[in-house]
Protein backbone atom coordinates (compact mmCIF):
# COMPACT_ATOMS: atom_id res chain seq x y z
CA LYS A 1 8.09 53.34 25.33
CA LYS A 2 4.60 53.63 23.95
CA GLY A 3 1.83 55.04 26.09
CA LYS A 4 -1.59 53.49 26.39
CA LYS A 5 -3.94 54.16 23.52
CA GLN A 6 -6.45 56.86 24.29
CA LYS A 7 -9.41 58.38 22.51
CA GLU A 8 -11.77 61.28 23.12
CA VAL A 9 -15.37 60.40 23.91
CA LYS A 10 -18.24 62.90 23.78
CA ILE A 11 -20.01 62.88 27.17
CA ASN A 12 -22.25 65.97 26.92
CA GLU A 13 -22.90 68.70 24.39
CA GLY A 14 -19.54 70.42 23.98
CA GLU A 15 -17.75 68.20 26.54
CA THR A 16 -15.36 65.37 25.86
CA ALA A 17 -13.37 63.03 28.07
CA VAL A 18 -10.19 61.14 27.30
CA VAL A 19 -10.50 57.41 27.98
CA GLU A 20 -8.14 54.51 27.47
CA GLU A 21 -8.92 52.12 24.65
CA LYS A 22 -8.82 48.44 25.52
CA GLU A 23 -6.38 46.26 23.62
CA SER A 24 -7.98 44.17 20.94
CA ALA A 25 -7.56 40.40 21.17
CA LYS A 26 -5.11 40.55 18.25
CA GLU A 27 -2.98 43.25 19.94
CA LYS A 28 -3.11 41.36 23.24
CA GLY A 29 -1.99 38.16 21.51
CA ARG A 30 0.85 40.02 19.80
CA SER A 31 1.94 41.56 23.12
CA GLU A 32 1.86 38.15 24.77
CA ALA A 33 3.89 36.60 21.94
CA VAL A 34 6.51 39.35 22.25
CA LEU A 35 6.81 38.82 26.00
CA LEU A 36 7.09 35.04 25.62
CA ASN A 37 9.82 35.58 23.00
CA ILE A 38 11.65 37.88 25.42
CA VAL A 39 11.39 35.27 28.18
CA ALA A 40 12.81 32.59 25.87
CA HIS A 41 15.76 34.82 24.95
CA LEU A 42 16.36 35.72 28.61
CA GLU A 43 16.46 32.02 29.52
CA LYS A 44 19.00 31.42 26.74
CA LEU A 45 21.14 34.31 28.00
CA ASP A 46 20.79 33.00 31.54
CA ARG A 47 22.24 29.64 30.50
CA LYS A 48 25.15 31.39 28.76
CA PHE A 49 25.86 33.53 31.83
CA ASP A 50 25.73 30.48 34.09
CA SER A 51 28.34 28.66 32.00
CA ARG A 52 30.60 31.70 31.94
CA LEU A 53 30.12 32.38 35.65
CA THR A 54 31.53 28.98 36.47
CA GLU A 55 34.74 30.05 34.72
CA ASN A 56 34.75 33.54 36.25
CA ASP A 57 33.96 32.46 39.82
CA THR A 58 37.48 31.14 40.17
CA LYS A 59 38.83 34.56 39.15
CA PHE A 60 36.36 37.00 40.73
CA GLY A 61 34.61 35.07 43.48
CA SER A 62 30.86 35.07 44.07
CA PHE A 63 30.34 38.83 43.57
CA SER A 64 29.39 38.50 39.90
CA ARG A 65 27.00 35.62 40.59
CA GLY A 66 25.14 37.61 43.27
CA LEU A 67 24.81 40.61 40.96
CA LEU A 68 23.47 38.52 38.07
CA ASP A 69 21.06 36.68 40.39
CA THR A 70 19.64 40.06 41.44
CA ILE A 71 19.28 41.19 37.81
CA ARG A 72 17.70 37.84 36.85
CA ASP A 73 15.18 38.05 39.72
CA THR A 74 14.25 41.63 38.82
CA VAL A 75 13.69 40.82 35.14
CA LYS A 76 11.75 37.65 35.97
CA THR A 77 9.45 39.49 38.39
CA THR A 78 8.82 42.30 35.89
CA VAL A 79 7.98 39.89 33.05
CA GLU A 80 5.72 37.77 35.30
CA GLU A 81 3.81 40.88 36.43
CA ARG A 82 3.27 41.96 32.81
CA LEU A 83 2.08 38.47 31.82
CA ARG A 84 -0.43 38.54 34.71
CA VAL A 85 -1.74 41.90 33.44
CA LEU A 86 -2.12 40.47 29.93
CA GLY A 87 -3.63 37.19 30.93
């Protein structure tokens, strides 16, 4: 996981401070595109899991569906929060 970009800025003679650099519009657009691509792939995986869960529910009951719903909700919330930060 990459950290935020930082740079040193001279504030007084002999003193510097470390500040975060803002993302450029190009970097922000790239980050947004990556997140939207991830969301699209997650939706595709979600559809695959739903079709397989229908088959597995008869074997394993609703346990697997509840677990995947929790994972899906967690991922969705995380991605939505990141998109709000970007946009």
